[in-house]
């Protein structure tokens, strides 16, 4: 199940993800990273010619041209994995969903009801870990 909100907060994302979203837009970035995230994408040489066609097949000709405008001039680009942006888009979709109950959302997104509740309240799991006192008293 794909959930893609119209916007995403770029500030917490790694620099390469921010650059991709600004250049390609959110939907094309998600498509590209779902297909090739975590791999190198070659822009020059024989590999680059092959990858150029692959890129257009994945995200379309217009977005592929935007990718080359943004990254042309370097021989290769290492594409980040989509984990952070997928989590952020999922969380935004959960916060915006007013039609489904907490339990329905938990089942839809394969999360615990507690996770959905924290997302709806705007809490990140890492925030909770940071505030959790150390059980063994280590400082």
C-alpha atoms as a PDB file:
ATOM      1  CA  UNK A   1       0.000   0.000   0.000  1.00  0.00           C
ATOM      2  CA  UNK A   2       1.576   3.290  -1.102  1.00  0.00           C
ATOM      3  CA  UNK A   3       0.797   6.492   0.743  1.00  0.00           C
ATOM      4  CA  UNK A   4       2.244   9.699  -0.661  1.00  0.00           C
ATOM      5  CA  UNK A   5       1.260  13.033   0.859  1.00  0.00           C
ATOM      6  CA  UNK A   6       1.666  16.149  -1.254  1.00  0.00           C
ATOM      7  CA  UNK A   7       4.425  17.587   0.931  1.00  0.00           C
ATOM      8  CA  UNK A   8       7.091  16.375   3.306  1.00  0.00           C
ATOM      9  CA  UNK A   9       9.239  18.225   5.851  1.00  0.00           C
ATOM     10  CA  UNK A  10      12.691  18.282   4.284  1.00  0.00           C
ATOM     11  CA  UNK A  11      14.579  19.564   7.344  1.00  0.00           C
ATOM     12  CA  UNK A  12      15.093  16.202   9.118  1.00  0.00           C
ATOM     13  CA  UNK A  13      16.036  14.373   5.924  1.00  0.00           C
ATOM     14  CA  UNK A  14      19.647  13.682   4.925  1.00  0.00           C
ATOM     15  CA  UNK A  15      21.086  16.210   2.424  1.00  0.00           C
ATOM     16  CA  UNK A  16      20.908  13.859  -0.583  1.00  0.00           C
ATOM     17  CA  UNK A  17      17.231  13.121   0.053  1.00  0.00           C
ATOM     18  CA  UNK A  18      16.468  16.845   0.342  1.00  0.00           C
ATOM     19  CA  UNK A  19      18.271  17.452  -2.938  1.00  0.00           C
ATOM     20  CA  UNK A  20      16.379  14.678  -4.712  1.00  0.00           C
ATOM     21  CA  UNK A  21      12.967  15.857  -3.472  1.00  0.00           C
ATOM     22  CA  UNK A  22      13.707  19.444  -4.492  1.00  0.00           C
ATOM     23  CA  UNK A  23      14.884  18.379  -7.963  1.00  0.00           C
ATOM     24  CA  UNK A  24      12.379  15.621  -8.776  1.00  0.00           C
ATOM     25  CA  UNK A  25       9.436  16.170  -6.470  1.00  0.00           C
ATOM     26  CA  UNK A  26       8.258  13.720  -3.841  1.00  0.00           C
ATOM     27  CA  UNK A  27       6.464  11.119  -6.018  1.00  0.00           C
ATOM     28  CA  UNK A  28       9.372  10.696  -8.470  1.00  0.00           C
ATOM     29  CA  UNK A  29      11.891  10.572  -5.606  1.00  0.00           C
ATOM     30  CA  UNK A  30       9.922   7.799  -3.911  1.00  0.00           C
ATOM     31  CA  UNK A  31       9.638   5.862  -7.181  1.00  0.00           C
ATOM     32  CA  UNK A  32      13.360   6.162  -7.822  1.00  0.00           C
ATOM     33  CA  UNK A  33      14.408   5.169  -4.314  1.00  0.00           C
ATOM     34  CA  UNK A  34      11.988   2.253  -4.147  1.00  0.00           C
ATOM     35  CA  UNK A  35      13.460   0.947  -7.400  1.00  0.00           C
ATOM     36  CA  UNK A  36      17.157   1.799  -6.967  1.00  0.00           C
ATOM     37  CA  UNK A  37      17.709   3.130  -3.431  1.00  0.00           C
ATOM     38  CA  UNK A  38      20.992   2.054  -1.860  1.00  0.00           C
ATOM     39  CA  UNK A  39      22.747   1.642  -5.207  1.00  0.00           C
ATOM     40  CA  UNK A  40      24.994   3.697  -7.467  1.00  0.00           C
ATOM     41  CA  UNK A  41      23.541   5.404 -10.468  1.00  0.00           C
ATOM     42  CA  UNK A  42      26.029   6.103 -13.249  1.00  0.00           C
ATOM     43  CA  UNK A  43      25.808   9.280 -15.292  1.00  0.00           C
ATOM     44  CA  UNK A  44      28.795   8.937 -17.599  1.00  0.00           C
ATOM     45  CA  UNK A  45      30.246   6.337 -19.939  1.00  0.00           C
ATOM     46  CA  UNK A  46      28.550   3.201 -21.215  1.00  0.00           C
ATOM     47  CA  UNK A  47      26.939   2.465 -17.846  1.00  0.00           C
ATOM     48  CA  UNK A  48      25.576   6.002 -17.800  1.00  0.00           C
ATOM     49  CA  UNK A  49      23.897   5.545 -21.178  1.00  0.00           C
ATOM     50  CA  UNK A  50      22.211   2.367 -19.921  1.00  0.00           C
ATOM     51  CA  UNK A  51      21.215   3.976 -16.620  1.00  0.00           C
ATOM     52  CA  UNK A  52      19.755   6.991 -18.437  1.00  0.00           C
ATOM     53  CA  UNK A  53      17.172   4.727 -20.104  1.00  0.00           C
ATOM     54  CA  UNK A  54      16.514   2.880 -16.851  1.00  0.00           C
ATOM     55  CA  UNK A  55      15.953   6.190 -15.055  1.00  0.00           C
ATOM     56  CA  UNK A  56      13.431   7.385 -17.629  1.00  0.00           C
ATOM     57  CA  UNK A  57      11.579   4.064 -17.335  1.00  0.00           C
ATOM     58  CA  UNK A  58      11.408   4.406 -13.542  1.00  0.00           C
ATOM     59  CA  UNK A  59      10.465   8.069 -13.089  1.00  0.00           C
ATOM     60  CA  UNK A  60       9.539   9.315 -16.548  1.00  0.00           C
ATOM     61  CA  UNK A  61      11.369  11.447 -19.067  1.00  0.00           C
ATOM     62  CA  UNK A  62      10.620  14.841 -17.464  1.00  0.00           C
ATOM     63  CA  UNK A  63      11.825  13.804 -13.982  1.00  0.00           C
ATOM     64  CA  UNK A  64      14.857  12.064 -15.525  1.00  0.00           C
ATOM     65  CA  UNK A  65      15.815  15.317 -17.248  1.00  0.00           C
ATOM     66  CA  UNK A  66      15.479  17.142 -13.904  1.00  0.00           C
ATOM     67  CA  UNK A  67      17.736  14.500 -12.326  1.00  0.00           C
ATOM     68  CA  UNK A  68      20.425  15.097 -14.983  1.00  0.00           C
ATOM     69  CA  UNK A  69      20.146  18.880 -14.586  1.00  0.00           C
ATOM     70  CA  UNK A  70      20.709  18.477 -10.848  1.00  0.00           C
ATOM     71  CA  UNK A  71      23.468  15.857 -10.925  1.00  0.00           C
ATOM     72  CA  UNK A  72      25.035  16.121 -14.386  1.00  0.00           C
ATOM     73  CA  UNK A  73      28.746  16.747 -14.113  1.00  0.00           C
ATOM     74  CA  UNK A  74      29.479  13.968 -11.649  1.00  0.00           C
ATOM     75  CA  UNK A  75      30.260  10.462 -12.921  1.00  0.00           C
ATOM     76  CA  UNK A  76      27.970   8.674 -10.470  1.00  0.00           C
ATOM     77  CA  UNK A  77      25.433   9.304  -7.725  1.00  0.00           C
ATOM     78  CA  UNK A  78      24.877   6.991  -4.794  1.00  0.00           C
ATOM     79  CA  UNK A  79      21.146   6.936  -4.171  1.00  0.00           C
ATOM     80  CA  UNK A  80      20.099   6.741  -0.534  1.00  0.00           C
ATOM     81  CA  UNK A  81      17.663   4.158   0.720  1.00  0.00           C
ATOM     82  CA  UNK A  82      14.114   5.371   1.056  1.00  0.00           C
ATOM     83  CA  UNK A  83      13.672   4.462   4.755  1.00  0.00           C
ATOM     84  CA  UNK A  84      13.528   7.935   6.283  1.00  0.00           C
ATOM     85  CA  UNK A  85      11.347   9.523   3.656  1.00  0.00           C
ATOM     86  CA  UNK A  86       8.986   6.540   3.588  1.00  0.00           C
ATOM     87  CA  UNK A  87       8.624   6.684   7.374  1.00  0.00           C
ATOM     88  CA  UNK A  88       8.007  10.416   7.306  1.00  0.00           C
ATOM     89  CA  UNK A  89       5.397  10.149   4.542  1.00  0.00           C
ATOM     90  CA  UNK A  90       3.720   7.254   6.373  1.00  0.00           C
ATOM     91  CA  UNK A  91       3.586   9.271   9.587  1.00  0.00           C
ATOM     92  CA  UNK A  92       2.142  12.307   7.778  1.00  0.00           C
ATOM     93  CA  UNK A  93      -0.530  10.120   6.211  1.00  0.00           C
ATOM     94  CA  UNK A  94      -1.429   8.620   9.605  1.00  0.00           C
ATOM     95  CA  UNK A  95      -1.726  12.092  11.158  1.00  0.00           C
ATOM     96  CA  UNK A  96      -3.937  13.269   8.305  1.00  0.00           C
ATOM     97  CA  UNK A  97      -6.222  10.212   8.342  1.00  0.00           C
ATOM     98  CA  UNK A  98      -9.441  11.038  10.194  1.00  0.00           C
ATOM     99  CA  UNK A  99     -11.549   8.269   8.677  1.00  0.00           C
ATOM    100  CA  UNK A 100      -9.915   5.245  10.342  1.00  0.00           C
ATOM    101  CA  UNK A 101      -9.660   4.184  13.959  1.00  0.00           C
ATOM    102  CA  UNK A 102      -6.399   3.660  15.780  1.00  0.00           C
ATOM    103  CA  UNK A 103      -6.703  -0.119  15.380  1.00  0.00           C
ATOM    104  CA  UNK A 104      -7.555   0.129  11.677  1.00  0.00           C
ATOM    105  CA  UNK A 105      -4.496   2.302  11.077  1.00  0.00           C
ATOM    106  CA  UNK A 106      -2.301  -0.113  13.032  1.00  0.00           C
ATOM    107  CA  UNK A 107      -3.452  -2.971  10.801  1.00  0.00           C
ATOM    108  CA  UNK A 108      -3.182  -0.914   7.585  1.00  0.00           C
ATOM    109  CA  UNK A 109       0.370   0.177   8.293  1.00  0.00           C
ATOM    110  CA  UNK A 110       1.488  -2.962  10.152  1.00  0.00           C
ATOM    111  CA  UNK A 111       2.316  -1.006  13.293  1.00  0.00           C
ATOM    112  CA  UNK A 112       1.340  -1.403  16.917  1.00  0.00           C
ATOM    113  CA  UNK A 113      -1.561   0.678  18.147  1.00  0.00           C
ATOM    114  CA  UNK A 114       0.904   2.388  20.528  1.00  0.00           C
ATOM    115  CA  UNK A 115       3.087   3.416  17.571  1.00  0.00           C
ATOM    116  CA  UNK A 116       0.068   4.838  15.752  1.00  0.00           C
ATOM    117  CA  UNK A 117      -0.975   6.693  18.895  1.00  0.00           C
ATOM    118  CA  UNK A 118       2.520   8.185  19.284  1.00  0.00           C
ATOM    119  CA  UNK A 119       2.596   9.199  15.615  1.00  0.00           C
ATOM    120  CA  UNK A 120      -0.790  10.890  15.911  1.00  0.00           C
ATOM    121  CA  UNK A 121       0.411  12.764  18.978  1.00  0.00           C
ATOM    122  CA  UNK A 122       3.521  13.822  17.073  1.00  0.00           C
ATOM    123  CA  UNK A 123       5.989  11.765  19.087  1.00  0.00           C
ATOM    124  CA  UNK A 124       8.928  10.084  17.448  1.00  0.00           C
ATOM    125  CA  UNK A 125      10.045   6.753  18.912  1.00  0.00           C
ATOM    126  CA  UNK A 126      13.556   8.170  19.344  1.00  0.00           C
ATOM    127  CA  UNK A 127      12.134  10.987  21.494  1.00  0.00           C
ATOM    128  CA  UNK A 128      10.653   8.407  23.819  1.00  0.00           C
ATOM    129  CA  UNK A 129      13.941   6.521  24.003  1.00  0.00           C
ATOM    130  CA  UNK A 130      15.803   9.728  24.835  1.00  0.00           C
ATOM    131  CA  UNK A 131      13.404  10.465  27.694  1.00  0.00           C
ATOM    132  CA  UNK A 132      13.338   6.887  28.964  1.00  0.00           C
ATOM    133  CA  UNK A 133      15.347   6.684  32.205  1.00  0.00           C
ATOM    134  CA  UNK A 134      18.195   4.185  32.187  1.00  0.00           C
ATOM    135  CA  UNK A 135      17.087   1.042  34.003  1.00  0.00           C
ATOM    136  CA  UNK A 136      20.575   0.373  35.333  1.00  0.00           C
ATOM    137  CA  UNK A 137      21.411   3.915  36.385  1.00  0.00           C
ATOM    138  CA  UNK A 138      24.198   4.596  33.879  1.00  0.00           C
ATOM    139  CA  UNK A 139      24.573   8.282  33.155  1.00  0.00           C
END
